[in-house]
Amino acid sequence: MSTSTTASVSTHILDTSIGRPAEGVAVHLSARSGRDADWRALGGSATDADGRCKDLPALPEGTTHVRLDFTVEPYFEKKQADAQQDAPANRDSGPGVFFPEVAITFAVVPGEHYHVPLLLNPFGYSVYRGS
């Protein structure tokens, strides 16, 4: 929850290749206080069945920049393994995951809440400031 001296962040992931939330994706939150400051790891979470992280750590006072790191490779590897089990004749010998990680960095101001959805598919992604 944001306060007058801090911002807050939430996120969710939609796998646009199947039109469903992406469950079980690890998300790590980092923050810094100033453009030239070092990043400080705050902790992380994983997406639930609705593709949401409901327990990301609070941002410290003075945060000006936030980074969300999504570890998507294990999610896609599991999807591929499940698909191969269902249809072994359709195995693909190419690289399994094009984007193994997605890092989103954005600026924040105190008192604001930032909801940052990730729209994800095996060969691309998009993000935006939600509500």
C-alpha atoms as a PDB file:
ATOM      1  CA  MET A   1       0.000   0.000   0.000  1.00  0.00           C
ATOM      2  CA  SER A   2       1.329   3.427  -0.879  1.00  0.00           C
ATOM      3  CA  THR A   3       1.591   6.219   1.667  1.00  0.00           C
ATOM      4  CA  SER A   4       2.264   9.916   1.215  1.00  0.00           C
ATOM      5  CA  THR A   5       6.010   9.163   1.493  1.00  0.00           C
ATOM      6  CA  THR A   6       6.195   5.879  -0.443  1.00  0.00           C
ATOM      7  CA  ALA A   7       4.926   4.346  -3.664  1.00  0.00           C
ATOM      8  CA  SER A   8       3.566   0.810  -4.047  1.00  0.00           C
ATOM      9  CA  VAL A   9       3.774  -1.788  -6.809  1.00  0.00           C
ATOM     10  CA  SER A  10       1.663  -4.699  -7.996  1.00  0.00           C
ATOM     11  CA  THR A  11       1.836  -6.861 -11.105  1.00  0.00           C
ATOM     12  CA  HIS A  12       0.222  -9.723 -12.931  1.00  0.00           C
ATOM     13  CA  ILE A  13       1.089 -11.810 -15.981  1.00  0.00           C
ATOM     14  CA  LEU A  14      -1.180 -12.876 -18.814  1.00  0.00           C
ATOM     15  CA  ASP A  15       0.123 -15.532 -21.213  1.00  0.00           C
ATOM     16  CA  THR A  16      -1.310 -14.181 -24.463  1.00  0.00           C
ATOM     17  CA  SER A  17      -0.443 -17.388 -26.345  1.00  0.00           C
ATOM     18  CA  ILE A  18      -3.186 -19.197 -24.420  1.00  0.00           C
ATOM     19  CA  GLY A  19      -5.272 -16.276 -23.157  1.00  0.00           C
ATOM     20  CA  ARG A  20      -4.760 -17.295 -19.514  1.00  0.00           C
ATOM     21  CA  PRO A  21      -2.863 -16.090 -16.454  1.00  0.00           C
ATOM     22  CA  ALA A  22       0.714 -17.327 -16.101  1.00  0.00           C
ATOM     23  CA  GLU A  23       0.936 -19.223 -12.813  1.00  0.00           C
ATOM     24  CA  GLY A  24       4.154 -19.924 -10.921  1.00  0.00           C
ATOM     25  CA  VAL A  25       6.410 -17.247 -12.425  1.00  0.00           C
ATOM     26  CA  ALA A  26       9.030 -15.929  -9.987  1.00  0.00           C
ATOM     27  CA  VAL A  27       9.029 -12.140  -9.656  1.00  0.00           C
ATOM     28  CA  HIS A  28      11.787 -10.198  -7.881  1.00  0.00           C
ATOM     29  CA  LEU A  29      11.477  -6.569  -6.801  1.00  0.00           C
ATOM     30  CA  SER A  30      14.391  -4.128  -6.544  1.00  0.00           C
ATOM     31  CA  ALA A  31      14.454  -0.392  -5.835  1.00  0.00           C
ATOM     32  CA  ARG A  32      16.848   2.515  -5.814  1.00  0.00           C
ATOM     33  CA  SER A  33      16.700   6.073  -4.541  1.00  0.00           C
ATOM     34  CA  GLY A  34      18.080   8.122  -7.394  1.00  0.00           C
ATOM     35  CA  ARG A  35      19.210   7.518 -10.936  1.00  0.00           C
ATOM     36  CA  ASP A  36      22.831   6.868  -9.906  1.00  0.00           C
ATOM     37  CA  ALA A  37      22.099   4.846  -6.757  1.00  0.00           C
ATOM     38  CA  ASP A  38      22.732   1.113  -6.501  1.00  0.00           C
ATOM     39  CA  TRP A  39      19.828  -1.290  -6.816  1.00  0.00           C
ATOM     40  CA  ARG A  40      18.606  -2.810  -3.553  1.00  0.00           C
ATOM     41  CA  ALA A  41      16.925  -6.230  -3.757  1.00  0.00           C
ATOM     42  CA  LEU A  42      13.724  -6.129  -1.706  1.00  0.00           C
ATOM     43  CA  GLY A  43      12.485  -9.682  -2.176  1.00  0.00           C
ATOM     44  CA  GLY A  44      10.099 -11.502  -4.392  1.00  0.00           C
ATOM     45  CA  SER A  45       7.091 -13.657  -4.891  1.00  0.00           C
ATOM     46  CA  ALA A  46       5.540 -15.921  -7.509  1.00  0.00           C
ATOM     47  CA  THR A  47       2.381 -15.512  -9.520  1.00  0.00           C
ATOM     48  CA  ASP A  48      -0.702 -17.328  -8.266  1.00  0.00           C
ATOM     49  CA  ALA A  49      -3.401 -19.113 -10.308  1.00  0.00           C
ATOM     50  CA  ASP A  50      -4.713 -15.682 -11.394  1.00  0.00           C
ATOM     51  CA  GLY A  51      -1.232 -14.644 -12.555  1.00  0.00           C
ATOM     52  CA  ARG A  52      -0.959 -12.118  -9.710  1.00  0.00           C
ATOM     53  CA  CYS A  53       1.701 -11.401  -7.099  1.00  0.00           C
ATOM     54  CA  LYS A  54      -0.224 -10.370  -4.033  1.00  0.00           C
ATOM     55  CA  ASP A  55       2.667 -10.228  -1.573  1.00  0.00           C
ATOM     56  CA  LEU A  56       5.428  -8.126  -3.123  1.00  0.00           C
ATOM     57  CA  PRO A  57       7.491  -6.281  -0.492  1.00  0.00           C
ATOM     58  CA  ALA A  58       6.805  -2.648   0.342  1.00  0.00           C
ATOM     59  CA  LEU A  59       9.005   0.001  -1.226  1.00  0.00           C
ATOM     60  CA  PRO A  60      11.298   1.900   1.127  1.00  0.00           C
ATOM     61  CA  GLU A  61      10.875   5.615   1.630  1.00  0.00           C
ATOM     62  CA  GLY A  62      12.865   7.596  -0.945  1.00  0.00           C
ATOM     63  CA  THR A  63      12.412   5.071  -3.779  1.00  0.00           C
ATOM     64  CA  THR A  64      12.575   6.749  -7.191  1.00  0.00           C
ATOM     65  CA  HIS A  65      13.071   3.734  -9.480  1.00  0.00           C
ATOM     66  CA  VAL A  66      11.742   0.191  -9.357  1.00  0.00           C
ATOM     67  CA  ARG A  67      12.756  -2.934 -11.240  1.00  0.00           C
ATOM     68  CA  LEU A  68      10.603  -6.030 -11.623  1.00  0.00           C
ATOM     69  CA  ASP A  69      12.507  -9.124 -12.760  1.00  0.00           C
ATOM     70  CA  PHE A  70      10.319 -11.923 -14.112  1.00  0.00           C
ATOM     71  CA  THR A  71      11.969 -15.352 -14.427  1.00  0.00           C
ATOM     72  CA  VAL A  72       9.854 -16.758 -17.264  1.00  0.00           C
ATOM     73  CA  GLU A  73      12.085 -19.572 -18.554  1.00  0.00           C
ATOM     74  CA  PRO A  74      10.870 -22.244 -16.064  1.00  0.00           C
ATOM     75  CA  TYR A  75       7.245 -21.321 -16.848  1.00  0.00           C
ATOM     76  CA  PHE A  76       7.741 -21.845 -20.598  1.00  0.00           C
ATOM     77  CA  GLU A  77       9.832 -24.995 -20.083  1.00  0.00           C
ATOM     78  CA  LYS A  78       6.982 -26.500 -18.048  1.00  0.00           C
ATOM     79  CA  LYS A  79       4.453 -25.518 -20.731  1.00  0.00           C
ATOM     80  CA  GLN A  80       6.648 -27.132 -23.409  1.00  0.00           C
ATOM     81  CA  ALA A  81       7.139 -30.311 -21.367  1.00  0.00           C
ATOM     82  CA  ASP A  82       3.385 -30.590 -20.817  1.00  0.00           C
ATOM     83  CA  ALA A  83       2.724 -30.051 -24.540  1.00  0.00           C
ATOM     84  CA  GLN A  84       5.321 -32.653 -25.538  1.00  0.00           C
ATOM     85  CA  GLN A  85       3.778 -35.171 -23.180  1.00  0.00           C
ATOM     86  CA  ASP A  86       0.397 -34.570 -24.801  1.00  0.00           C
ATOM     87  CA  ALA A  87       1.735 -34.657 -28.380  1.00  0.00           C
ATOM     88  CA  PRO A  88       5.230 -36.187 -28.578  1.00  0.00           C
ATOM     89  CA  ALA A  89       5.290 -36.054 -32.379  1.00  0.00           C
ATOM     90  CA  ASN A  90       5.309 -32.224 -32.238  1.00  0.00           C
ATOM     91  CA  ARG A  91       8.693 -31.819 -30.532  1.00  0.00           C
ATOM     92  CA  ASP A  92      10.631 -28.715 -31.534  1.00  0.00           C
ATOM     93  CA  SER A  93      14.417 -28.964 -31.668  1.00  0.00           C
ATOM     94  CA  GLY A  94      14.906 -25.164 -31.570  1.00  0.00           C
ATOM     95  CA  PRO A  95      15.719 -23.099 -28.494  1.00  0.00           C
ATOM     96  CA  GLY A  96      13.012 -23.546 -25.908  1.00  0.00           C
ATOM     97  CA  VAL A  97      12.743 -19.992 -24.622  1.00  0.00           C
ATOM     98  CA  PHE A  98      13.611 -16.827 -26.509  1.00  0.00           C
ATOM     99  CA  PHE A  99      13.270 -14.476 -23.507  1.00  0.00           C
ATOM    100  CA  PRO A 100      14.361 -16.389 -20.377  1.00  0.00           C
ATOM    101  CA  GLU A 101      13.951 -13.269 -18.237  1.00  0.00           C
ATOM    102  CA  VAL A 102      12.048 -10.019 -18.498  1.00  0.00           C
ATOM    103  CA  ALA A 103      13.278  -6.969 -16.570  1.00  0.00           C
ATOM    104  CA  ILE A 104      11.046  -3.912 -16.354  1.00  0.00           C
ATOM    105  CA  THR A 105      12.391  -0.682 -14.862  1.00  0.00           C
ATOM    106  CA  PHE A 106      10.207   2.346 -14.169  1.00  0.00           C
ATOM    107  CA  ALA A 107      10.193   5.600 -12.227  1.00  0.00           C
ATOM    108  CA  VAL A 108       7.883   6.163  -9.247  1.00  0.00           C
ATOM    109  CA  VAL A 109       6.792   9.066  -7.092  1.00  0.00           C
ATOM    110  CA  PRO A 110       5.639   8.905  -3.453  1.00  0.00           C
ATOM    111  CA  GLY A 111       1.954   8.408  -2.844  1.00  0.00           C
ATOM    112  CA  GLU A 112       1.263   6.649  -6.148  1.00  0.00           C
ATOM    113  CA  HIS A 113       0.362   3.019  -6.775  1.00  0.00           C
ATOM    114  CA  TYR A 114       1.885   1.367  -9.853  1.00  0.00           C
ATOM    115  CA  HIS A 115       0.246  -1.697 -11.348  1.00  0.00           C
ATOM    116  CA  VAL A 116       2.484  -3.123 -14.084  1.00  0.00           C
ATOM    117  CA  PRO A 117       0.917  -5.985 -16.082  1.00  0.00           C
ATOM    118  CA  LEU A 118       3.131  -8.188 -18.245  1.00  0.00           C
ATOM    119  CA  LEU A 119       1.560  -9.580 -21.415  1.00  0.00           C
ATOM    120  CA  LEU A 120       3.724 -12.550 -22.298  1.00  0.00           C
ATOM    121  CA  ASN A 121       4.115 -15.070 -25.109  1.00  0.00           C
ATOM    122  CA  PRO A 122       7.024 -17.328 -26.119  1.00  0.00           C
ATOM    123  CA  PHE A 123       8.498 -14.785 -28.556  1.00  0.00           C
ATOM    124  CA  GLY A 124       7.529 -11.400 -27.180  1.00  0.00           C
ATOM    125  CA  TYR A 125       6.145  -9.370 -24.346  1.00  0.00           C
ATOM    126  CA  SER A 126       4.517  -6.032 -23.621  1.00  0.00           C
ATOM    127  CA  VAL A 127       4.048  -4.035 -20.442  1.00  0.00           C
ATOM    128  CA  TYR A 128       2.068  -0.971 -19.486  1.00  0.00           C
ATOM    129  CA  ARG A 129       1.040   1.013 -16.446  1.00  0.00           C
ATOM    130  CA  GLY A 130      -2.301  -0.378 -15.431  1.00  0.00           C
ATOM    131  CA  SER A 131      -4.706   0.741 -12.773  1.00  0.00           C
END
